[in-house]
Amino acid sequence: MPCSEQWCGLGLQHSVRHYLGVMGDAHCYAVQLLDEPTELEGVVFKDLRSVLLTMDESITGVAGLAFQIVHWDRTHRFCGQCGQPMEPMTEERARKCARCDLVFFPRLSPVIIVRVSRGEQLLLARSPHTPPGMYSVLAGFVEPGETLEEAVVREVMEEVGVSLRNIRYFGSQPWPFPHSLMIGFTAEHAGGEIRIDGKEIEDANWYSVDRLPMLPSPISIARRLVDDFLRSVGREADVKH
């Protein structure tokens, strides 16, 4: 990533600059380019997903934050209540309506993601939106008025028709596509046979730990949930991804 002197030398036109914080001893900023990136000598433009797969976690964390802040700023230029222009606030990261004073903060959408086990088997599924051949644990957005645990139970029942027990919190991961917070859980199969919904899920099955399908990237909390299970049953995480 270019430092300020290098950035100025590129001559790229950009909109408002967003301060992100400090990484090491460097102050970090995010900007939105006014035009599509063009080829420049010594410069390679990368999309965020490819960055997440190749760079250090500290870099990808800042890149993900930058993406979310720029996306939020670009999509909240006008008030959703009265339609008037929104102005950036100086004392906090927010935009405020110049007419009705409504304030919008950066959006965050909570998503539960759950690993369901049955003995030494994992329930893995694929949606029409995932790469061909890739399977993962189940996930879905939290709805208004429900707890995270209720969302876990509902999503699994809706998507594959099985009930759960022993729901436990595992961990979380910001996921900037475009503004999700993935909240991970583990659970055990309590009953029911797999019945896919045919919409969000196009295939699902129980997989033994020694015959796993292609899995998501190791950077994802989905893969961390699977790898943690493999360790718990004394297996190595030697799987395709």
C-alpha atoms as a PDB file:
ATOM      1  CA  MET A   1       0.000   0.000   0.000  1.00  0.00           C
ATOM      2  CA  PRO A   2       1.390   3.429  -0.917  1.00  0.00           C
ATOM      3  CA  CYS A   3       2.551   5.881   1.737  1.00  0.00           C
ATOM      4  CA  SER A   4       1.414   9.497   1.477  1.00  0.00           C
ATOM      5  CA  GLU A   5       4.385  10.622  -0.627  1.00  0.00           C
ATOM      6  CA  GLN A   6       3.879   7.787  -3.107  1.00  0.00           C
ATOM      7  CA  TRP A   7       0.135   8.422  -3.228  1.00  0.00           C
ATOM      8  CA  CYS A   8       0.595  12.086  -4.094  1.00  0.00           C
ATOM      9  CA  GLY A   9       2.946  11.118  -6.897  1.00  0.00           C
ATOM     10  CA  LEU A  10       0.324   8.896  -8.507  1.00  0.00           C
ATOM     11  CA  GLY A  11      -1.888  11.865  -9.309  1.00  0.00           C
ATOM     12  CA  LEU A  12      -5.140   9.938  -8.759  1.00  0.00           C
ATOM     13  CA  GLN A  13      -8.259  12.029  -8.169  1.00  0.00           C
ATOM     14  CA  HIS A  14     -10.306  11.040  -5.161  1.00  0.00           C
ATOM     15  CA  SER A  15     -13.248  12.187  -3.076  1.00  0.00           C
ATOM     16  CA  VAL A  16     -13.372  12.783   0.685  1.00  0.00           C
ATOM     17  CA  ARG A  17     -10.619  11.217   2.773  1.00  0.00           C
ATOM     18  CA  HIS A  18     -11.499   9.025   5.771  1.00  0.00           C
ATOM     19  CA  TYR A  19      -9.133   8.622   8.711  1.00  0.00           C
ATOM     20  CA  LEU A  20      -8.991   4.993   9.873  1.00  0.00           C
ATOM     21  CA  GLY A  21      -6.488   5.021  12.726  1.00  0.00           C
ATOM     22  CA  VAL A  22      -2.898   3.944  13.331  1.00  0.00           C
ATOM     23  CA  MET A  23      -1.245   0.725  12.174  1.00  0.00           C
ATOM     24  CA  GLY A  24       2.211   0.418  13.686  1.00  0.00           C
ATOM     25  CA  ASP A  25       3.524   3.973  13.417  1.00  0.00           C
ATOM     26  CA  ALA A  26       1.584   4.827  10.254  1.00  0.00           C
ATOM     27  CA  HIS A  27      -1.646   6.831  10.099  1.00  0.00           C
ATOM     28  CA  CYS A  28      -4.060   5.165   7.698  1.00  0.00           C
ATOM     29  CA  TYR A  29      -6.632   6.757   5.398  1.00  0.00           C
ATOM     30  CA  ALA A  30      -9.211   5.528   2.914  1.00  0.00           C
ATOM     31  CA  VAL A  31     -10.357   7.370  -0.190  1.00  0.00           C
ATOM     32  CA  GLN A  32     -12.754   6.691  -3.040  1.00  0.00           C
ATOM     33  CA  LEU A  33     -11.337   7.191  -6.517  1.00  0.00           C
ATOM     34  CA  LEU A  34     -13.355   9.472  -8.751  1.00  0.00           C
ATOM     35  CA  ASP A  35     -12.570   7.396 -11.837  1.00  0.00           C
ATOM     36  CA  GLU A  36     -11.986   3.729 -12.551  1.00  0.00           C
ATOM     37  CA  PRO A  37      -8.368   2.686 -11.844  1.00  0.00           C
ATOM     38  CA  THR A  38      -6.062   2.863 -14.835  1.00  0.00           C
ATOM     39  CA  GLU A  39      -2.762   1.113 -15.439  1.00  0.00           C
ATOM     40  CA  LEU A  40       0.097   2.905 -13.707  1.00  0.00           C
ATOM     41  CA  GLU A  41       3.766   1.988 -13.685  1.00  0.00           C
ATOM     42  CA  GLY A  42       4.698   0.152 -10.507  1.00  0.00           C
ATOM     43  CA  VAL A  43       1.080  -0.028  -9.295  1.00  0.00           C
ATOM     44  CA  VAL A  44      -1.275  -3.029  -9.148  1.00  0.00           C
ATOM     45  CA  PHE A  45      -4.930  -2.630  -8.169  1.00  0.00           C
ATOM     46  CA  LYS A  46      -6.419  -5.526  -6.208  1.00  0.00           C
ATOM     47  CA  ASP A  47     -10.006  -6.316  -5.316  1.00  0.00           C
ATOM     48  CA  LEU A  48     -10.647  -6.859  -1.613  1.00  0.00           C
ATOM     49  CA  ARG A  49     -11.233 -10.617  -1.774  1.00  0.00           C
ATOM     50  CA  SER A  50      -7.859 -11.226  -3.411  1.00  0.00           C
ATOM     51  CA  VAL A  51      -6.182  -9.007  -0.805  1.00  0.00           C
ATOM     52  CA  LEU A  52      -7.698 -11.053   1.995  1.00  0.00           C
ATOM     53  CA  LEU A  53      -6.158 -14.194   0.560  1.00  0.00           C
ATOM     54  CA  THR A  54      -2.615 -12.887   0.109  1.00  0.00           C
ATOM     55  CA  MET A  55      -1.782 -10.243   2.714  1.00  0.00           C
ATOM     56  CA  ASP A  56      -0.977 -10.134   6.405  1.00  0.00           C
ATOM     57  CA  GLU A  57      -3.992 -10.087   8.731  1.00  0.00           C
ATOM     58  CA  SER A  58      -3.177  -6.592   9.996  1.00  0.00           C
ATOM     59  CA  ILE A  59      -3.236  -5.268   6.424  1.00  0.00           C
ATOM     60  CA  THR A  60      -6.443  -7.082   5.529  1.00  0.00           C
ATOM     61  CA  GLY A  61      -8.117  -5.743   8.667  1.00  0.00           C
ATOM     62  CA  VAL A  62      -7.383  -2.156   7.638  1.00  0.00           C
ATOM     63  CA  ALA A  63      -8.384  -2.886   4.035  1.00  0.00           C
ATOM     64  CA  GLY A  64     -11.692  -4.330   5.190  1.00  0.00           C
ATOM     65  CA  LEU A  65     -12.369  -1.305   7.397  1.00  0.00           C
ATOM     66  CA  ALA A  66     -11.525   1.040   4.520  1.00  0.00           C
ATOM     67  CA  PHE A  67     -13.927  -0.780   2.196  1.00  0.00           C
ATOM     68  CA  GLN A  68     -16.783  -0.602   4.702  1.00  0.00           C
ATOM     69  CA  ILE A  69     -16.306   3.083   5.514  1.00  0.00           C
ATOM     70  CA  VAL A  70     -16.072   4.134   1.858  1.00  0.00           C
ATOM     71  CA  HIS A  71     -19.123   2.023   0.990  1.00  0.00           C
ATOM     72  CA  TRP A  72     -21.137   3.537   3.839  1.00  0.00           C
ATOM     73  CA  ASP A  73     -20.132   7.080   2.923  1.00  0.00           C
ATOM     74  CA  ARG A  74     -21.032   6.521  -0.736  1.00  0.00           C
ATOM     75  CA  THR A  75     -24.471   5.052   0.039  1.00  0.00           C
ATOM     76  CA  HIS A  76     -25.552   7.584   2.687  1.00  0.00           C
ATOM     77  CA  ARG A  77     -25.290  10.872   0.817  1.00  0.00           C
ATOM     78  CA  PHE A  78     -28.992  11.680   1.258  1.00  0.00           C
ATOM     79  CA  CYS A  79     -31.349  11.423   4.221  1.00  0.00           C
ATOM     80  CA  GLY A  80     -33.663   8.420   4.239  1.00  0.00           C
ATOM     81  CA  GLN A  81     -36.294  10.422   6.123  1.00  0.00           C
ATOM     82  CA  CYS A  82     -36.585  13.696   4.161  1.00  0.00           C
ATOM     83  CA  GLY A  83     -34.313  13.191   1.150  1.00  0.00           C
ATOM     84  CA  GLN A  84     -32.028  16.144   1.852  1.00  0.00           C
ATOM     85  CA  PRO A  85     -28.208  15.976   1.563  1.00  0.00           C
ATOM     86  CA  MET A  86     -26.284  14.487   4.501  1.00  0.00           C
ATOM     87  CA  GLU A  87     -23.232  16.241   5.924  1.00  0.00           C
ATOM     88  CA  PRO A  88     -20.251  14.512   7.589  1.00  0.00           C
ATOM     89  CA  MET A  89     -19.943  15.138  11.320  1.00  0.00           C
ATOM     90  CA  THR A  90     -16.601  16.231  12.745  1.00  0.00           C
ATOM     91  CA  GLU A  91     -16.826  14.853  16.290  1.00  0.00           C
ATOM     92  CA  GLU A  92     -17.654  11.249  15.308  1.00  0.00           C
ATOM     93  CA  ARG A  93     -17.921   9.001  12.259  1.00  0.00           C
ATOM     94  CA  ALA A  94     -21.459   9.785  11.163  1.00  0.00           C
ATOM     95  CA  ARG A  95     -23.460  11.741   8.610  1.00  0.00           C
ATOM     96  CA  LYS A  96     -26.167  14.182   9.682  1.00  0.00           C
ATOM     97  CA  CYS A  97     -29.103  15.527   7.724  1.00  0.00           C
ATOM     98  CA  ALA A  98     -28.839  19.270   7.153  1.00  0.00           C
ATOM     99  CA  ARG A  99     -32.613  19.610   7.363  1.00  0.00           C
ATOM    100  CA  CYS A 100     -34.102  17.228   9.949  1.00  0.00           C
ATOM    101  CA  ASP A 101     -30.928  16.444  11.967  1.00  0.00           C
ATOM    102  CA  LEU A 102     -31.287  12.665  11.517  1.00  0.00           C
ATOM    103  CA  VAL A 103     -27.910  10.973  12.103  1.00  0.00           C
ATOM    104  CA  PHE A 104     -26.617   7.888  10.267  1.00  0.00           C
ATOM    105  CA  PHE A 105     -23.706   5.860  11.605  1.00  0.00           C
ATOM    106  CA  PRO A 106     -21.795   3.232   9.594  1.00  0.00           C
ATOM    107  CA  ARG A 107     -24.060   0.284   8.962  1.00  0.00           C
ATOM    108  CA  LEU A 108     -23.342  -3.122  10.488  1.00  0.00           C
ATOM    109  CA  SER A 109     -25.391  -6.231   9.709  1.00  0.00           C
ATOM    110  CA  PRO A 110     -25.061  -9.137  12.213  1.00  0.00           C
ATOM    111  CA  VAL A 111     -24.891 -12.604  10.679  1.00  0.00           C
ATOM    112  CA  ILE A 112     -24.866 -15.851  12.643  1.00  0.00           C
ATOM    113  CA  ILE A 113     -22.717 -18.710  11.341  1.00  0.00           C
ATOM    114  CA  VAL A 114     -22.946 -22.117  12.986  1.00  0.00           C
ATOM    115  CA  ARG A 115     -21.075 -25.409  12.863  1.00  0.00           C
ATOM    116  CA  VAL A 116     -23.451 -28.321  13.397  1.00  0.00           C
ATOM    117  CA  SER A 117     -21.921 -31.667  14.369  1.00  0.00           C
ATOM    118  CA  ARG A 118     -23.218 -35.209  14.798  1.00  0.00           C
ATOM    119  CA  GLY A 119     -20.570 -37.395  16.361  1.00  0.00           C
ATOM    120  CA  GLU A 120     -17.553 -37.059  14.046  1.00  0.00           C
ATOM    121  CA  GLN A 121     -19.662 -35.710  11.211  1.00  0.00           C
ATOM    122  CA  LEU A 122     -20.262 -32.113  10.131  1.00  0.00           C
ATOM    123  CA  LEU A 123     -23.328 -30.669   8.468  1.00  0.00           C
ATOM    124  CA  LEU A 124     -22.062 -28.796   5.407  1.00  0.00           C
ATOM    125  CA  ALA A 125     -24.075 -27.098   2.685  1.00  0.00           C
ATOM    126  CA  ARG A 126     -23.668 -25.022  -0.429  1.00  0.00           C
ATOM    127  CA  SER A 127     -25.702 -22.156  -1.821  1.00  0.00           C
ATOM    128  CA  PRO A 128     -26.084 -21.157  -5.473  1.00  0.00           C
ATOM    129  CA  HIS A 129     -23.813 -18.172  -4.781  1.00  0.00           C
ATOM    130  CA  THR A 130     -20.710 -20.093  -3.675  1.00  0.00           C
ATOM    131  CA  PRO A 131     -17.957 -21.315  -6.030  1.00  0.00           C
ATOM    132  CA  PRO A 132     -18.644 -24.692  -7.697  1.00  0.00           C
ATOM    133  CA  GLY A 133     -17.915 -27.622  -5.428  1.00  0.00           C
ATOM    134  CA  MET A 134     -17.439 -25.547  -2.263  1.00  0.00           C
ATOM    135  CA  TYR A 135     -19.343 -26.417   0.915  1.00  0.00           C
ATOM    136  CA  SER A 136     -19.511 -24.511   4.178  1.00  0.00           C
ATOM    137  CA  VAL A 137     -21.274 -24.279   7.512  1.00  0.00           C
ATOM    138  CA  LEU A 138     -24.676 -22.589   7.691  1.00  0.00           C
ATOM    139  CA  ALA A 139     -25.151 -18.848   8.104  1.00  0.00           C
ATOM    140  CA  GLY A 140     -27.849 -16.211   7.926  1.00  0.00           C
ATOM    141  CA  PHE A 141     -28.790 -12.679   8.914  1.00  0.00           C
ATOM    142  CA  VAL A 142     -30.201 -11.920  12.353  1.00  0.00           C
ATOM    143  CA  GLU A 143     -33.752 -10.615  12.172  1.00  0.00           C
ATOM    144  CA  PRO A 144     -35.145  -7.729  14.273  1.00  0.00           C
ATOM    145  CA  GLY A 145     -36.406  -8.803  17.666  1.00  0.00           C
ATOM    146  CA  GLU A 146     -34.551 -12.116  17.958  1.00  0.00           C
ATOM    147  CA  THR A 147     -31.523 -13.160  19.980  1.00  0.00           C
ATOM    148  CA  LEU A 148     -28.429 -14.578  18.321  1.00  0.00           C
ATOM    149  CA  GLU A 149     -29.289 -18.044  19.630  1.00  0.00           C
ATOM    150  CA  GLU A 150     -32.815 -17.775  18.230  1.00  0.00           C
ATOM    151  CA  ALA A 151     -31.345 -16.795  14.881  1.00  0.00           C
ATOM    152  CA  VAL A 152     -29.128 -19.897  14.933  1.00  0.00           C
ATOM    153  CA  VAL A 153     -32.101 -22.188  15.574  1.00  0.00           C
ATOM    154  CA  ARG A 154     -34.312 -20.480  12.991  1.00  0.00           C
ATOM    155  CA  GLU A 155     -31.743 -20.367  10.185  1.00  0.00           C
ATOM    156  CA  VAL A 156     -30.788 -24.029  10.530  1.00  0.00           C
ATOM    157  CA  MET A 157     -34.428 -25.121  10.666  1.00  0.00           C
ATOM    158  CA  GLU A 158     -35.375 -22.966   7.683  1.00  0.00           C
ATOM    159  CA  GLU A 159     -32.451 -23.996   5.502  1.00  0.00           C
ATOM    160  CA  VAL A 160     -32.004 -27.702   6.271  1.00  0.00           C
ATOM    161  CA  GLY A 161     -34.870 -28.684   8.600  1.00  0.00           C
ATOM    162  CA  VAL A 162     -32.929 -30.018  11.610  1.00  0.00           C
ATOM    163  CA  SER A 163     -33.099 -29.052  15.286  1.00  0.00           C
ATOM    164  CA  LEU A 164     -30.144 -28.223  17.546  1.00  0.00           C
ATOM    165  CA  ARG A 165     -28.864 -28.563  21.080  1.00  0.00           C
ATOM    166  CA  ASN A 166     -25.855 -27.280  23.037  1.00  0.00           C
ATOM    167  CA  ILE A 167     -25.551 -23.983  21.172  1.00  0.00           C
ATOM    168  CA  ARG A 168     -22.309 -22.262  22.195  1.00  0.00           C
ATOM    169  CA  TYR A 169     -20.602 -19.026  21.177  1.00  0.00           C
ATOM    170  CA  PHE A 170     -17.381 -19.552  19.210  1.00  0.00           C
ATOM    171  CA  GLY A 171     -16.062 -16.174  18.043  1.00  0.00           C
ATOM    172  CA  SER A 172     -16.657 -13.366  15.583  1.00  0.00           C
ATOM    173  CA  GLN A 173     -15.182 -11.844  12.447  1.00  0.00           C
ATOM    174  CA  PRO A 174     -15.834  -8.563  10.637  1.00  0.00           C
ATOM    175  CA  TRP A 175     -16.694  -9.451   7.050  1.00  0.00           C
ATOM    176  CA  PRO A 176     -16.661  -6.444   4.720  1.00  0.00           C
ATOM    177  CA  PHE A 177     -18.904  -7.730   1.908  1.00  0.00           C
ATOM    178  CA  PRO A 178     -20.142  -5.145   2.323  1.00  0.00           C
ATOM    179  CA  HIS A 179     -20.815  -4.588   6.058  1.00  0.00           C
ATOM    180  CA  SER A 180     -21.379  -7.824   7.961  1.00  0.00           C
ATOM    181  CA  LEU A 181     -20.282  -8.986  11.403  1.00  0.00           C
ATOM    182  CA  MET A 182     -20.064 -12.782  11.413  1.00  0.00           C
ATOM    183  CA  ILE A 183     -20.927 -14.199  14.854  1.00  0.00           C
ATOM    184  CA  GLY A 184     -19.880 -17.835  15.126  1.00  0.00           C
ATOM    185  CA  PHE A 185     -21.524 -20.627  17.105  1.00  0.00           C
ATOM    186  CA  THR A 186     -21.187 -24.363  17.519  1.00  0.00           C
ATOM    187  CA  ALA A 187     -24.128 -26.716  17.998  1.00  0.00           C
ATOM    188  CA  GLU A 188     -24.996 -30.399  18.003  1.00  0.00           C
ATOM    189  CA  HIS A 189     -27.658 -32.187  15.996  1.00  0.00           C
ATOM    190  CA  ALA A 190     -30.744 -32.802  18.161  1.00  0.00           C
ATOM    191  CA  GLY A 191     -33.122 -34.332  15.631  1.00  0.00           C
ATOM    192  CA  GLY A 192     -34.595 -34.297  12.169  1.00  0.00           C
ATOM    193  CA  GLU A 193     -33.452 -35.311   8.704  1.00  0.00           C
ATOM    194  CA  ILE A 194     -31.929 -32.878   6.209  1.00  0.00           C
ATOM    195  CA  ARG A 195     -34.539 -31.149   4.057  1.00  0.00           C
ATOM    196  CA  ILE A 196     -33.012 -28.329   2.025  1.00  0.00           C
ATOM    197  CA  ASP A 197     -35.111 -25.253   1.312  1.00  0.00           C
ATOM    198  CA  GLY A 198     -34.127 -25.203  -2.372  1.00  0.00           C
ATOM    199  CA  LYS A 199     -33.627 -21.427  -2.307  1.00  0.00           C
ATOM    200  CA  GLU A 200     -30.782 -20.422  -0.010  1.00  0.00           C
ATOM    201  CA  ILE A 201     -29.392 -23.972  -0.017  1.00  0.00           C
ATOM    202  CA  GLU A 202     -29.074 -26.189  -3.078  1.00  0.00           C
ATOM    203  CA  ASP A 203     -27.332 -29.133  -1.399  1.00  0.00           C
ATOM    204  CA  ALA A 204     -26.460 -30.262   2.138  1.00  0.00           C
ATOM    205  CA  ASN A 205     -25.193 -33.434   3.745  1.00  0.00           C
ATOM    206  CA  TRP A 206     -23.366 -34.939   6.696  1.00  0.00           C
ATOM    207  CA  TYR A 207     -19.633 -35.321   6.034  1.00  0.00           C
ATOM    208  CA  SER A 208     -17.197 -37.444   8.000  1.00  0.00           C
ATOM    209  CA  VAL A 209     -13.982 -35.724   9.029  1.00  0.00           C
ATOM    210  CA  ASP A 210     -11.898 -37.900   6.719  1.00  0.00           C
ATOM    211  CA  ARG A 211     -14.004 -37.165   3.620  1.00  0.00           C
ATOM    212  CA  LEU A 212     -14.619 -33.437   3.604  1.00  0.00           C
ATOM    213  CA  PRO A 213     -15.483 -31.522   0.409  1.00  0.00           C
ATOM    214  CA  MET A 214     -13.874 -28.300  -0.765  1.00  0.00           C
ATOM    215  CA  LEU A 215     -14.031 -25.733   2.048  1.00  0.00           C
ATOM    216  CA  PRO A 216     -13.830 -21.929   2.320  1.00  0.00           C
ATOM    217  CA  SER A 217     -10.536 -20.085   2.662  1.00  0.00           C
ATOM    218  CA  PRO A 218      -8.607 -20.435   5.961  1.00  0.00           C
ATOM    219  CA  ILE A 219      -9.067 -16.691   6.553  1.00  0.00           C
ATOM    220  CA  SER A 220     -12.818 -17.108   7.073  1.00  0.00           C
ATOM    221  CA  ILE A 221     -14.555 -17.865  10.347  1.00  0.00           C
ATOM    222  CA  ALA A 222     -16.397 -20.633   8.481  1.00  0.00           C
ATOM    223  CA  ARG A 223     -13.097 -22.436   7.942  1.00  0.00           C
ATOM    224  CA  ARG A 224     -11.955 -21.693  11.489  1.00  0.00           C
ATOM    225  CA  LEU A 225     -15.090 -23.438  12.775  1.00  0.00           C
ATOM    226  CA  VAL A 226     -14.292 -26.528  10.700  1.00  0.00           C
ATOM    227  CA  ASP A 227     -10.593 -26.567  11.609  1.00  0.00           C
ATOM    228  CA  ASP A 228     -11.462 -26.252  15.304  1.00  0.00           C
ATOM    229  CA  PHE A 229     -13.707 -29.300  15.018  1.00  0.00           C
ATOM    230  CA  LEU A 230     -10.973 -31.303  13.301  1.00  0.00           C
ATOM    231  CA  ARG A 231      -8.583 -30.473  16.120  1.00  0.00           C
ATOM    232  CA  SER A 232     -11.171 -31.478  18.709  1.00  0.00           C
ATOM    233  CA  VAL A 233     -11.425 -34.961  17.218  1.00  0.00           C
ATOM    234  CA  GLY A 234      -7.681 -35.292  16.728  1.00  0.00           C
ATOM    235  CA  ARG A 235      -7.562 -34.813  12.968  1.00  0.00           C
ATOM    236  CA  GLU A 236      -5.344 -32.571  10.860  1.00  0.00           C
ATOM    237  CA  ALA A 237      -6.889 -29.825   8.745  1.00  0.00           C
ATOM    238  CA  ASP A 238      -5.667 -31.370   5.477  1.00  0.00           C
ATOM    239  CA  VAL A 239      -8.589 -30.425   3.237  1.00  0.00           C
ATOM    240  CA  LYS A 240      -9.167 -28.752  -0.085  1.00  0.00           C
ATOM    241  CA  HIS A 241      -9.956 -25.031  -0.187  1.00  0.00           C
END
